[in-house]
Amino acid sequence: MLQMLEPLPADPILGLSAACHADPNPDKVDLTVGIYKNEKGECPVFAAVQEAQQSLVNEETSKAYLAAAGDGAFNQGIQKLVLGDGSGALADGRVTSIQTPGGCGALRIGAEIVHAAAPNAKVWVSDPTWPVHGPLLGSVGLEFRSYRYYDYATHGVNFDAMVSDLAGAQAGDIVLLHGCCHNPCGADLSLEQWRVIAELAERQGFTPFVDFAYQGMGVGLDEDAAGLRLLVSRLPEVIVASSCSKNLGLYRERTGAAVFVCADAANARAVLSQAQSAARRVYSMPPAHGALLAGRVFNDDVLGALWREELSAVCERINGLRSSLRHALESRCGGNFAFIETEKGMFSFLGLSAEQAQRLRNDYSVYMLDSSRINVAGVNAGNLDYIAEAVSGVL
């Protein structure tokens, strides 16, 4: 039976990263996979996480399964982090969450709940979007529709086109939104544009499903959540896929949560029972280590303050890299790269052709996707000038 299977091509992002790793050029630059890197090119462990881990190692006495919904301290902390301490939905008891294997697990459990509630629901996805959204949500059998989002000519949100397309979203449909730091374009909605989306949802009856993987990486923890929280304040239902991979650096620990804002407390209990059932058949039980670390950070005043300070420094560094990259490119290439500085988070389209991106890889060992999407956090003081010179070379 297994001999019938043919090898599949490598994931386009992971495959490029592997090619970069194998490249012998000492000047090679990896701008592909979306992980945060420091000035040394390392994906660091937060000091707050290190302290939480040490205390956990010293105090942990069992490796038994967690509860089906995950660690209680983690769930409580992630709900407050996403929705805010003053959330009316939290006060009303109409919020529930389930710990998941990363943000990917949260997207999948959210899709399972959508399919259970409305198997014929259409999922409206931005163009462009993270390429794994399709497999994660589509694997349960949901149907997709696309809405225009990014204007490649202006390097910004094509909001008029977005609103025009979403006019077709009906009651019972899902609209997938990037909460902040849009992957792959970095162009985010303004708060006023979030208000318009909330009005559309109120009028048309669709449910927002917010992929919230980069909270704290754009402007700040609360600022990045402003649009999502506006939706929650006005709508009876919102689904959120939250991830701790980026803002706590827990990539390999696979720590996330599917958060459900429901019509009332009774509905929240029903949704949690459905989410636990879905998790049982998809991955059985949640992984513990990352959630136990995050729960300690969220619920300890000292660790929490340290983590927020560290995350703020990460955010400031990313925004500083954007400014530096913009000016380096303008200095060597001419033209206007101001859009890089106005975007948020780790990603940006440089506006190069697929042929130019391929030449960057082949001639300069600068690795980015054919779309010219880059991970800004792959830039550092040691490679900034080289990247700018390489881009100038292909332009």
Protein backbone atom coordinates (compact mmCIF):
# COMPACT_ATOMS: atom_id res chain seq x y z
CA MET A 1 0.00 0.00 0.00
CA LEU A 2 2.61 2.57 1.02
CA GLN A 3 4.55 1.89 -2.18
CA MET A 4 1.73 3.61 -4.07
CA LEU A 5 2.65 6.97 -2.57
CA GLU A 6 4.72 9.52 -4.51
CA PRO A 7 6.97 12.10 -2.83
CA LEU A 8 5.45 15.54 -2.45
CA PRO A 9 7.31 18.79 -3.08
CA ALA A 10 8.75 20.54 -0.03
CA ASP A 11 6.75 23.26 1.67
CA PRO A 12 7.63 26.44 -0.29
CA ILE A 13 8.77 28.32 2.82
CA LEU A 14 10.43 25.48 4.71
CA GLY A 15 12.04 24.26 1.50
CA LEU A 16 13.70 27.63 0.88
CA SER A 17 14.90 27.79 4.47
CA ALA A 18 16.45 24.33 4.08
CA ALA A 19 18.14 25.44 0.86
CA CYS A 20 19.57 28.46 2.65
CA HIS A 21 20.85 26.25 5.46
CA ALA A 22 22.67 24.09 2.90
CA ASP A 23 24.09 27.09 1.00
CA PRO A 24 27.89 27.32 1.61
CA ASN A 25 28.01 31.09 1.00
CA PRO A 26 29.15 32.68 4.29
CA ASP A 27 27.16 35.82 3.41
CA LYS A 28 23.86 33.98 2.97
CA VAL A 29 20.75 35.58 4.48
CA ASP A 30 17.56 33.73 5.43
CA LEU A 31 14.48 35.97 5.18
CA THR A 32 12.02 33.10 4.75
CA VAL A 33 10.57 31.39 7.85
CA GLY A 34 8.58 33.68 10.14
CA ILE A 35 10.45 33.39 13.41
CA TYR A 36 11.87 36.25 15.43
CA LYS A 37 15.68 36.49 15.39
CA ASN A 38 17.93 38.76 17.44
CA GLU A 39 21.03 40.62 16.27
CA LYS A 40 23.03 37.37 16.38
CA GLY A 41 20.53 35.64 14.12
CA GLU A 42 19.30 33.49 16.99
CA CYS A 43 15.74 32.79 18.09
CA PRO A 44 16.17 33.74 21.76
CA VAL A 45 14.48 32.40 24.87
CA PHE A 46 12.79 35.14 26.89
CA ALA A 47 14.35 35.62 30.34
CA ALA A 48 10.86 35.47 31.88
CA VAL A 49 10.32 32.10 30.21
CA GLN A 50 13.69 30.85 31.44
CA GLU A 51 12.80 31.79 35.00
CA ALA A 52 9.38 30.17 34.71
CA GLN A 53 10.98 27.05 33.31
CA GLN A 54 13.48 26.78 36.14
CA SER A 55 10.77 27.08 38.76
CA LEU A 56 8.62 24.56 36.90
CA VAL A 57 11.47 22.04 36.77
CA ASN A 58 12.06 22.50 40.49
CA GLU A 59 8.40 22.16 41.45
CA GLU A 60 6.82 19.79 38.92
CA THR A 61 5.98 16.42 40.43
CA SER A 62 3.93 14.76 37.69
CA LYS A 63 3.76 14.27 33.95
CA ALA A 64 0.12 13.20 33.98
CA TYR A 65 -2.22 14.58 31.33
CA LEU A 66 -3.54 18.08 31.70
CA ALA A 67 -7.29 18.62 31.78
CA ALA A 68 -8.99 18.26 28.40
CA ALA A 69 -9.30 22.04 28.07
CA GLY A 70 -5.67 22.53 29.07
CA ASP A 71 -3.99 24.33 31.95
CA GLY A 72 -6.42 26.52 33.88
CA ALA A 73 -3.90 29.27 34.64
CA PHE A 74 -2.95 29.42 30.96
CA ASN A 75 -6.56 29.64 29.77
CA GLN A 76 -7.38 32.35 32.27
CA GLY A 77 -4.26 34.28 31.33
CA ILE A 78 -4.73 34.03 27.58
CA GLN A 79 -8.33 35.18 27.79
CA LYS A 80 -7.29 38.31 29.70
CA LEU A 81 -4.34 38.91 27.39
CA VAL A 82 -6.47 38.72 24.25
CA LEU A 83 -9.63 40.45 25.47
CA GLY A 84 -8.26 42.76 28.18
CA ASP A 85 -8.85 42.80 31.92
CA GLY A 86 -11.88 45.06 31.52
CA SER A 87 -13.63 42.94 28.92
CA GLY A 88 -17.40 42.95 29.29
CA ALA A 89 -17.59 39.56 27.58
CA LEU A 90 -15.30 38.12 30.26
CA ALA A 91 -17.32 39.74 33.04
CA ASP A 92 -20.52 38.28 31.56
CA GLY A 93 -19.03 34.77 31.51
CA ARG A 94 -19.63 34.33 27.80
CA VAL A 95 -16.01 33.52 26.94
CA THR A 96 -14.42 30.09 26.89
CA SER A 97 -11.14 28.75 25.55
CA ILE A 98 -9.27 25.54 24.98
CA GLN A 99 -5.51 25.14 24.99
CA THR A 100 -4.22 23.92 21.62
CA PRO A 101 -0.96 22.80 19.96
CA GLY A 102 0.05 26.27 18.81
CA GLY A 103 -1.93 28.75 16.78
CA CYS A 104 -2.29 26.10 14.07
CA GLY A 105 -4.14 23.86 16.51
CA ALA A 106 -6.37 26.79 17.46
CA LEU A 107 -7.25 27.42 13.82
CA ARG A 108 -8.07 23.75 13.34
CA ILE A 109 -10.24 23.51 16.46
CA GLY A 110 -12.00 26.72 15.45
CA ALA A 111 -12.69 25.19 12.05
CA GLU A 112 -14.03 22.03 13.70
CA ILE A 113 -16.47 24.11 15.74
CA VAL A 114 -17.58 26.08 12.69
CA HIS A 115 -18.18 22.88 10.73
CA ALA A 116 -20.13 21.34 13.62
CA ALA A 117 -22.34 24.42 13.92
CA ALA A 118 -22.72 25.24 10.22
CA PRO A 119 -21.23 22.64 7.84
CA ASN A 120 -22.23 24.71 4.81
CA ALA A 121 -20.56 27.88 6.07
CA LYS A 122 -18.27 29.71 3.68
CA VAL A 123 -14.93 30.98 5.00
CA TRP A 124 -13.88 34.33 3.55
CA VAL A 125 -10.08 34.62 3.42
CA SER A 126 -7.95 37.64 2.56
CA ASP A 127 -5.95 37.80 -0.66
CA PRO A 128 -3.13 37.29 0.16
CA THR A 129 -3.13 35.25 3.35
CA TRP A 130 -0.89 32.82 5.19
CA PRO A 131 -0.75 29.78 2.88
CA VAL A 132 -1.43 27.28 5.69
CA HIS A 133 -4.85 28.81 6.39
CA GLY A 134 -6.31 26.80 3.51
CA PRO A 135 -5.14 23.35 4.66
CA LEU A 136 -5.90 24.01 8.34
CA LEU A 137 -9.45 25.22 7.83
CA GLY A 138 -10.24 23.40 4.62
CA SER A 139 -9.32 19.98 5.98
CA VAL A 140 -12.64 19.81 7.85
CA GLY A 141 -14.56 20.38 4.62
CA LEU A 142 -15.34 24.09 4.77
CA GLU A 143 -15.80 26.04 1.55
CA PHE A 144 -13.69 29.13 0.82
CA ARG A 145 -14.28 32.54 -0.68
CA SER A 146 -11.64 35.21 -1.20
CA TYR A 147 -11.78 38.93 -0.49
CA ARG A 148 -9.33 41.47 -1.86
CA TYR A 149 -7.08 42.92 0.82
CA TYR A 150 -3.63 44.05 -0.31
CA ASP A 151 -2.89 46.57 -3.05
CA TYR A 152 0.50 45.70 -4.51
CA ALA A 153 0.73 49.08 -6.25
CA THR A 154 0.28 51.18 -3.11
CA HIS A 155 1.66 48.61 -0.63
CA GLY A 156 -1.39 49.14 1.57
CA VAL A 157 -4.82 47.78 2.38
CA ASN A 158 -7.30 48.01 -0.49
CA PHE A 159 -10.13 48.61 1.95
CA ASP A 160 -12.77 49.67 -0.57
CA ALA A 161 -12.29 46.41 -2.46
CA MET A 162 -12.32 44.46 0.80
CA VAL A 163 -15.65 45.97 1.84
CA SER A 164 -17.07 45.43 -1.63
CA ASP A 165 -16.16 41.74 -1.61
CA LEU A 166 -17.37 41.16 1.95
CA ALA A 167 -20.78 42.45 0.92
CA GLY A 168 -21.26 38.88 -0.24
CA ALA A 169 -20.67 37.37 3.20
CA GLN A 170 -23.95 36.13 4.63
CA ALA A 171 -25.33 35.11 8.00
CA GLY A 172 -23.63 31.87 9.00
CA ASP A 173 -20.46 32.63 7.05
CA ILE A 174 -17.03 33.12 8.61
CA VAL A 175 -14.70 36.01 7.78
CA LEU A 176 -11.08 35.20 8.62
CA LEU A 177 -9.20 38.31 9.72
CA HIS A 178 -5.59 38.90 10.73
CA GLY A 179 -5.73 40.56 14.15
CA CYS A 180 -2.48 42.47 13.61
CA CYS A 181 0.85 42.18 11.78
CA HIS A 182 -0.75 40.71 8.66
CA ASN A 183 1.08 37.67 7.32
CA PRO A 184 2.37 38.00 4.60
CA CYS A 185 2.00 41.69 3.75
CA GLY A 186 2.38 43.58 7.06
CA ALA A 187 -0.42 46.01 6.12
CA ASP A 188 -2.94 46.26 8.97
CA LEU A 189 -6.44 47.64 9.30
CA SER A 190 -6.89 50.96 11.11
CA LEU A 191 -9.24 51.11 14.09
CA GLU A 192 -11.77 52.99 11.97
CA GLN A 193 -11.63 50.20 9.40
CA TRP A 194 -12.20 47.65 12.17
CA ARG A 195 -15.34 49.63 13.05
CA VAL A 196 -16.57 49.26 9.48
CA ILE A 197 -15.98 45.50 9.62
CA ALA A 198 -17.91 45.34 12.90
CA GLU A 199 -20.81 47.19 11.26
CA LEU A 200 -20.77 44.76 8.32
CA ALA A 201 -20.84 41.80 10.71
CA GLU A 202 -23.73 43.34 12.65
CA ARG A 203 -25.70 44.06 9.51
CA GLN A 204 -24.95 40.88 7.55
CA GLY A 205 -24.67 38.37 10.39
CA PHE A 206 -21.29 36.79 9.59
CA THR A 207 -18.93 35.70 12.37
CA PRO A 208 -15.36 37.04 12.52
CA PHE A 209 -12.61 34.46 13.03
CA VAL A 210 -9.46 36.34 14.04
CA ASP A 211 -6.03 34.81 13.59
CA PHE A 212 -4.11 36.55 16.38
CA ALA A 213 -0.62 35.12 16.12
CA TYR A 214 1.46 38.28 16.65
CA GLN A 215 -0.05 40.17 19.57
CA GLY A 216 2.58 42.56 20.93
CA MET A 217 4.79 42.44 17.84
CA GLY A 218 3.25 45.41 16.03
CA VAL A 219 2.78 48.33 18.41
CA GLY A 220 2.02 46.80 21.82
CA LEU A 221 -0.09 44.14 23.50
CA ASP A 222 -3.15 46.33 24.00
CA GLU A 223 -2.74 48.42 20.84
CA ASP A 224 -2.49 45.30 18.67
CA ALA A 225 -5.69 43.93 20.22
CA ALA A 226 -7.76 47.10 19.76
CA GLY A 227 -9.53 45.98 16.58
CA LEU A 228 -10.32 42.52 17.89
CA ARG A 229 -11.62 43.95 21.17
CA LEU A 230 -13.84 46.34 19.26
CA LEU A 231 -15.43 43.37 17.47
CA VAL A 232 -15.98 41.59 20.79
CA SER A 233 -17.60 44.66 22.34
CA ARG A 234 -20.19 44.82 19.55
CA LEU A 235 -20.84 41.29 18.35
CA PRO A 236 -22.42 38.23 19.97
CA GLU A 237 -19.86 35.81 18.48
CA VAL A 238 -16.15 36.05 17.72
CA ILE A 239 -13.62 33.23 17.35
CA VAL A 240 -9.95 33.88 18.06
CA ALA A 241 -6.90 31.71 17.33
CA SER A 242 -4.17 32.91 19.68
CA SER A 243 -0.53 31.84 19.62
CA CYS A 244 2.34 32.14 22.12
CA SER A 245 4.96 31.15 19.56
CA LYS A 246 6.01 34.68 18.75
CA ASN A 247 5.24 36.89 21.73
CA LEU A 248 6.64 34.38 24.24
CA GLY A 249 9.10 32.70 21.89
CA LEU A 250 7.51 29.28 22.51
CA TYR A 251 7.73 28.13 18.90
CA ARG A 252 8.78 24.53 19.50
CA GLU A 253 6.52 24.13 22.55
CA ARG A 254 3.37 24.51 20.40
CA THR A 255 1.37 26.71 22.75
CA GLY A 256 -1.87 28.31 21.63
CA ALA A 257 -5.55 28.67 22.41
CA ALA A 258 -8.85 28.77 20.61
CA VAL A 259 -10.90 31.49 22.32
CA PHE A 260 -14.66 31.61 21.75
CA VAL A 261 -16.78 34.66 22.55
CA CYS A 262 -20.34 33.37 22.69
CA ALA A 263 -23.85 34.76 23.01
CA ASP A 264 -24.11 33.86 26.71
CA ALA A 265 -22.58 31.68 29.43
CA ALA A 266 -24.71 28.65 28.58
CA ASN A 267 -23.64 28.78 24.96
CA ALA A 268 -19.99 29.12 26.06
CA ARG A 269 -20.29 25.89 28.05
CA ALA A 270 -21.80 24.12 25.05
CA VAL A 271 -19.02 25.38 22.75
CA LEU A 272 -16.33 24.23 25.19
CA SER A 273 -17.83 20.73 25.26
CA GLN A 274 -17.76 20.66 21.45
CA ALA A 275 -14.16 21.96 21.38
CA GLN A 276 -13.03 19.29 23.84
CA SER A 277 -14.69 16.62 21.72
CA ALA A 278 -13.00 17.96 18.59
CA ALA A 279 -9.62 18.06 20.31
CA ARG A 280 -10.06 14.48 21.50
CA ARG A 281 -10.49 13.18 17.97
CA VAL A 282 -7.78 15.41 16.43
CA TYR A 283 -4.88 15.22 18.91
CA SER A 284 -6.41 13.70 22.06
CA MET A 285 -4.72 15.73 24.83
CA PRO A 286 -2.94 19.10 24.88
CA PRO A 287 0.86 19.41 25.30
CA ALA A 288 1.78 20.72 28.73
CA HIS A 289 5.19 22.33 28.94
CA GLY A 290 4.70 25.56 27.00
CA ALA A 291 1.29 26.26 28.50
CA LEU A 292 2.58 25.71 32.03
CA LEU A 293 5.37 28.20 31.33
CA ALA A 294 3.02 30.76 29.77
CA GLY A 295 0.52 30.35 32.61
CA ARG A 296 3.25 31.14 35.14
CA VAL A 297 4.33 34.23 33.21
CA PHE A 298 0.76 35.49 32.79
CA ASN A 299 -0.17 35.04 36.44
CA ASP A 300 3.01 36.17 38.20
CA ASP A 301 3.42 39.94 38.61
CA VAL A 302 7.22 39.87 38.52
CA LEU A 303 7.53 37.47 35.58
CA GLY A 304 4.71 39.23 33.76
CA ALA A 305 6.38 42.63 34.10
CA LEU A 306 9.71 41.21 32.91
CA TRP A 307 8.06 39.55 29.91
CA ARG A 308 6.20 42.70 28.89
CA GLU A 309 9.44 44.65 29.05
CA GLU A 310 11.23 42.06 26.91
CA LEU A 311 8.39 41.92 24.38
CA SER A 312 8.33 45.71 24.13
CA ALA A 313 12.05 45.65 23.30
CA VAL A 314 11.43 43.04 20.60
CA CYS A 315 8.66 45.18 19.10
CA GLU A 316 10.83 48.29 19.16
CA ARG A 317 13.69 46.42 17.49
CA ILE A 318 11.44 45.17 14.67
CA ASN A 319 10.15 48.68 14.03
CA GLY A 320 13.71 49.98 14.11
CA LEU A 321 14.75 47.35 11.56
CA ARG A 322 11.93 48.48 9.31
CA SER A 323 13.21 52.04 9.41
CA SER A 324 16.82 50.99 8.82
CA LEU A 325 15.88 48.70 5.91
CA ARG A 326 13.77 51.39 4.31
CA HIS A 327 16.59 53.95 4.36
CA ALA A 328 19.24 51.44 3.25
CA LEU A 329 17.15 50.42 0.24
CA GLU A 330 16.33 53.99 -0.70
CA SER A 331 19.98 54.95 -0.41
CA ARG A 332 21.21 52.18 -2.72
CA CYS A 333 18.25 51.54 -5.00
CA GLY A 334 16.45 54.85 -5.22
CA GLY A 335 12.69 54.76 -5.27
CA ASN A 336 10.28 54.90 -2.38
CA PHE A 337 10.38 52.15 0.25
CA ALA A 338 8.49 54.12 2.92
CA PHE A 339 5.82 51.41 3.04
CA ILE A 340 8.25 49.13 4.89
CA GLU A 341 8.34 51.58 7.79
CA THR A 342 4.56 52.02 8.01
CA GLU A 343 3.79 48.28 8.07
CA LYS A 344 3.55 46.26 11.28
CA GLY A 345 5.07 43.02 12.47
CA MET A 346 7.66 40.81 10.84
CA PHE A 347 6.55 40.64 7.21
CA SER A 348 6.70 42.79 4.11
CA PHE A 349 6.48 42.44 0.34
CA LEU A 350 9.46 44.25 -1.19
CA GLY A 351 7.69 44.61 -4.52
CA LEU A 352 10.15 42.51 -6.52
CA SER A 353 9.24 40.12 -9.32
CA ALA A 354 9.57 36.36 -8.92
CA GLU A 355 12.53 36.46 -11.32
CA GLN A 356 14.27 39.09 -9.19
CA ALA A 357 13.66 37.09 -6.02
CA GLN A 358 15.15 34.03 -7.69
CA ARG A 359 18.20 36.06 -8.79
CA LEU A 360 18.67 37.20 -5.19
CA ARG A 361 18.85 33.57 -4.13
CA ASN A 362 21.01 32.37 -7.01
CA ASP A 363 23.44 35.29 -7.29
CA TYR A 364 23.59 36.66 -3.74
CA SER A 365 22.32 33.86 -1.46
CA VAL A 366 19.63 36.20 -0.11
CA TYR A 367 16.62 33.93 0.42
CA MET A 368 13.06 35.24 0.21
CA LEU A 369 9.85 33.89 -1.29
CA ASP A 370 9.13 34.40 -4.98
CA SER A 371 6.46 36.89 -3.91
CA SER A 372 9.34 38.92 -2.36
CA ARG A 373 7.80 38.43 1.08
CA ILE A 374 10.52 38.79 3.69
CA ASN A 375 10.81 38.24 7.41
CA VAL A 376 12.08 41.63 8.58
CA ALA A 377 13.40 40.01 11.77
CA GLY A 378 15.96 38.19 9.63
CA VAL A 379 17.68 41.55 9.06
CA ASN A 380 20.44 42.68 11.41
CA ALA A 381 23.27 45.19 11.52
CA GLY A 382 25.65 42.64 10.04
CA ASN A 383 23.62 41.88 6.90
CA LEU A 384 21.62 45.07 6.31
CA ASP A 385 24.05 46.62 3.83
CA TYR A 386 24.55 43.33 2.01
CA ILE A 387 20.77 42.88 1.60
CA ALA A 388 20.42 46.43 0.25
CA GLU A 389 23.31 45.93 -2.18
CA ALA A 390 21.85 42.64 -3.36
CA VAL A 391 18.40 44.15 -3.96
CA SER A 392 20.05 47.01 -5.81
CA GLY A 393 21.88 44.45 -7.92
CA VAL A 394 18.69 42.77 -9.14
CA LEU A 395 16.87 46.05 -9.65
